[in-house]
Structures are given as structure tokens and as C-alpha cells.
């Protein structure tokens, strides 16, 4: 099983310009969570692993954001990919666009997704990490 990450935005920009070896934006979304996305332009976000697994994820049941810590043994490429995702979302917010995102594990249904508003502009850079089965509304 893998994580799937779907993002929607009010921006008409081609997010493909942000693609690197660590992160890839492609048009479309996970059909299961599509109804949870609020904005007109949907994207699938994948890591170097061709899914959402190659990003920082909080351990199951843990909620919150923080910097990577050496004892947590997080993968350096996951950290870099997540920072890149965070940077793209910050750029979209700075241009005045709306952004939301759903991170879903395996076959979890849309009804089990929890919503959370993330004040990304107030969160120090590098703190963001994905939470399992969450919908993020970024501000």
C-alpha cells in the first residue's frame, strides 16, 4: 500500500514547472478524494517513488508539525521532497491562490479523511510534514 496525494488550487499555473527528480505534479487527482478538493485545478503529487510515500509523514496517530530530528531517522530525500512541496504551496499562496491537499493511505475512504487548516505562512519553513488521511487547507 502507498500514500496518494491530491492537490487542488485556484491557480491556473502549470505546476509541472516545479517537477524535479524528488517531486512530480501531474494533472488530475485520486478519484476517491476528488469530492474533498475545493478548487478548480486538480493535481496528483508524487515523489521519486511514483506515489506519496517519498515525503515526510508523521508517525501514525501523531498530529503536528516540526523539524526533522536526528533520532527520528527520516530519509534525507523525503525531507528535501517535502521542503520542495512546501515551497510550491508557499509560492501559490504568495501569489494569492487558494490551495488544499489530501494525503490518503491505501484504500481509506473519503469519509475517514480529517480536515485541518494549516497556517503555512505562520509555520516556520521545514516544519511541514504530511499527516495520514488528512485534508489540508493551506493559508
Protein backbone atom coordinates (compact mmCIF):
# COMPACT_ATOMS: atom_id res chain seq x y z
CA UNK A 1 0.00 0.00 0.00
CA UNK A 2 1.06 3.59 -0.63
CA UNK A 3 0.13 7.15 0.14
CA UNK A 4 -1.65 9.11 -2.56
CA UNK A 5 -1.52 12.89 -2.53
CA UNK A 6 -4.01 15.04 -4.42
CA UNK A 7 -3.85 18.82 -4.50
CA UNK A 8 -6.21 21.43 -5.90
CA UNK A 9 -5.64 25.11 -6.41
CA UNK A 10 -7.32 28.19 -7.80
CA UNK A 11 -4.12 28.93 -9.73
CA UNK A 12 -4.10 28.37 -13.48
CA UNK A 13 -0.30 27.95 -13.36
CA UNK A 14 1.24 24.76 -14.71
CA UNK A 15 2.63 23.11 -11.58
CA UNK A 16 4.65 20.82 -13.83
CA UNK A 17 7.29 23.57 -13.95
CA UNK A 18 8.14 22.60 -10.35
CA UNK A 19 8.89 18.97 -11.24
CA UNK A 20 12.25 17.55 -10.17
CA UNK A 21 13.59 14.07 -9.52
CA UNK A 22 12.14 14.33 -5.99
CA UNK A 23 8.63 15.61 -6.72
CA UNK A 24 6.26 15.43 -9.66
CA UNK A 25 2.99 17.26 -10.29
CA UNK A 26 0.63 15.81 -12.88
CA UNK A 27 -2.86 16.92 -13.82
CA UNK A 28 -5.71 15.01 -12.22
CA UNK A 29 -6.47 13.56 -8.81
CA UNK A 30 -7.32 10.48 -6.80
CA UNK A 31 -10.98 9.75 -7.67
CA UNK A 32 -11.77 8.72 -4.09
CA UNK A 33 -10.83 12.12 -2.63
CA UNK A 34 -11.76 14.27 -5.62
CA UNK A 35 -15.00 15.43 -3.97
CA UNK A 36 -12.99 16.68 -0.98
CA UNK A 37 -10.91 19.05 -3.11
CA UNK A 38 -12.31 22.56 -3.26
CA UNK A 39 -10.57 24.25 -6.17
CA UNK A 40 -10.85 24.12 -9.96
CA UNK A 41 -7.37 22.87 -10.86
CA UNK A 42 -6.54 19.38 -9.50
CA UNK A 43 -3.10 17.77 -9.42
CA UNK A 44 -1.59 14.49 -8.30
CA UNK A 45 1.63 14.88 -6.34
CA UNK A 46 4.15 12.04 -6.48
CA UNK A 47 7.61 11.51 -5.09
CA UNK A 48 10.61 9.75 -6.58
CA UNK A 49 8.78 6.54 -5.61
CA UNK A 50 5.92 7.35 -8.06
CA UNK A 51 3.47 7.73 -5.15
CA UNK A 52 3.17 9.85 -2.00
CA UNK A 53 5.49 7.66 0.07
CA UNK A 54 8.70 9.62 -0.59
CA UNK A 55 7.69 12.60 1.59
CA UNK A 56 7.90 13.27 5.32
CA UNK A 57 4.97 11.70 7.17
CA UNK A 58 4.18 11.93 10.86
CA UNK A 59 4.06 8.57 12.61
CA UNK A 60 0.56 7.07 12.74
CA UNK A 61 -1.56 8.80 15.37
CA UNK A 62 0.82 11.74 15.77
CA UNK A 63 -0.56 15.13 14.76
CA UNK A 64 1.53 18.26 14.43
CA UNK A 65 4.39 19.79 12.56
CA UNK A 66 8.06 20.01 13.49
CA UNK A 67 11.55 19.97 12.08
CA UNK A 68 13.14 16.63 11.31
CA UNK A 69 15.11 15.30 14.27
CA UNK A 70 18.15 13.04 14.03
CA UNK A 71 16.66 10.42 16.35
CA UNK A 72 13.65 10.01 14.01
CA UNK A 73 15.91 8.71 11.22
CA UNK A 74 13.94 10.43 8.47
CA UNK A 75 15.16 9.89 4.94
CA UNK A 76 17.06 12.91 3.61
CA UNK A 77 15.39 12.66 0.19
CA UNK A 78 11.94 12.60 1.85
CA UNK A 79 12.89 15.75 3.76
CA UNK A 80 14.05 17.51 0.57
CA UNK A 81 10.93 16.47 -1.36
CA UNK A 82 8.66 17.73 1.42
CA UNK A 83 10.51 21.05 1.57
CA UNK A 84 10.00 21.37 -2.19
CA UNK A 85 6.27 20.66 -1.81
CA UNK A 86 6.07 23.23 0.98
CA UNK A 87 7.89 25.78 -1.19
CA UNK A 88 5.47 25.28 -4.11
CA UNK A 89 2.45 25.73 -1.83
CA UNK A 90 4.02 28.83 -0.27
CA UNK A 91 4.58 30.27 -3.78
CA UNK A 92 0.94 29.64 -4.70
CA UNK A 93 -0.31 31.28 -1.51
CA UNK A 94 2.02 34.26 -2.03
CA UNK A 95 0.51 34.85 -5.49
CA UNK A 96 -2.94 34.90 -3.89
CA UNK A 97 -4.07 31.41 -4.90
CA UNK A 98 -6.06 29.01 -2.76
CA UNK A 99 -4.61 25.54 -2.14
CA UNK A 100 -5.83 22.36 -0.50
CA UNK A 101 -4.45 18.85 -0.44
CA UNK A 102 -5.47 15.34 0.62
CA UNK A 103 -2.97 12.74 1.81
CA UNK A 104 -4.59 9.29 1.82
CA UNK A 105 -3.18 5.91 2.82
CA UNK A 106 -4.06 2.91 0.68
CA UNK A 107 -7.76 2.24 0.31
CA UNK A 108 -9.03 4.54 3.06
CA UNK A 109 -12.40 6.02 2.10
CA UNK A 110 -13.10 9.74 1.80
CA UNK A 111 -15.35 9.60 4.85
CA UNK A 112 -12.31 8.77 7.02
CA UNK A 113 -10.35 11.85 5.94
CA UNK A 114 -9.92 14.53 8.63
CA UNK A 115 -9.74 18.22 7.64
CA UNK A 116 -7.15 20.59 9.05
CA UNK A 117 -6.39 24.23 8.27
CA UNK A 118 -2.64 24.83 8.06
CA UNK A 119 -1.44 28.40 8.50
CA UNK A 120 1.60 27.67 6.34
CA UNK A 121 2.61 31.33 6.20
CA UNK A 122 2.92 31.26 10.02
CA UNK A 123 4.62 27.87 10.21
CA UNK A 124 8.44 28.04 10.14
CA UNK A 125 9.93 26.65 6.95
CA UNK A 126 10.80 22.96 7.13
CA UNK A 127 8.20 22.09 9.78
CA UNK A 128 5.50 20.81 7.47
CA UNK A 129 5.01 17.05 7.19
CA UNK A 130 2.11 15.05 5.86
CA UNK A 131 -0.40 13.53 8.24
CA UNK A 132 -2.01 10.24 7.28
CA UNK A 133 -5.59 10.54 6.00
CA UNK A 134 -5.80 14.32 6.29
CA UNK A 135 -7.12 17.06 4.07
CA UNK A 136 -5.11 20.26 4.43
CA UNK A 137 -6.49 23.71 3.67
CA UNK A 138 -3.41 25.90 3.31
CA UNK A 139 -3.40 29.58 4.19
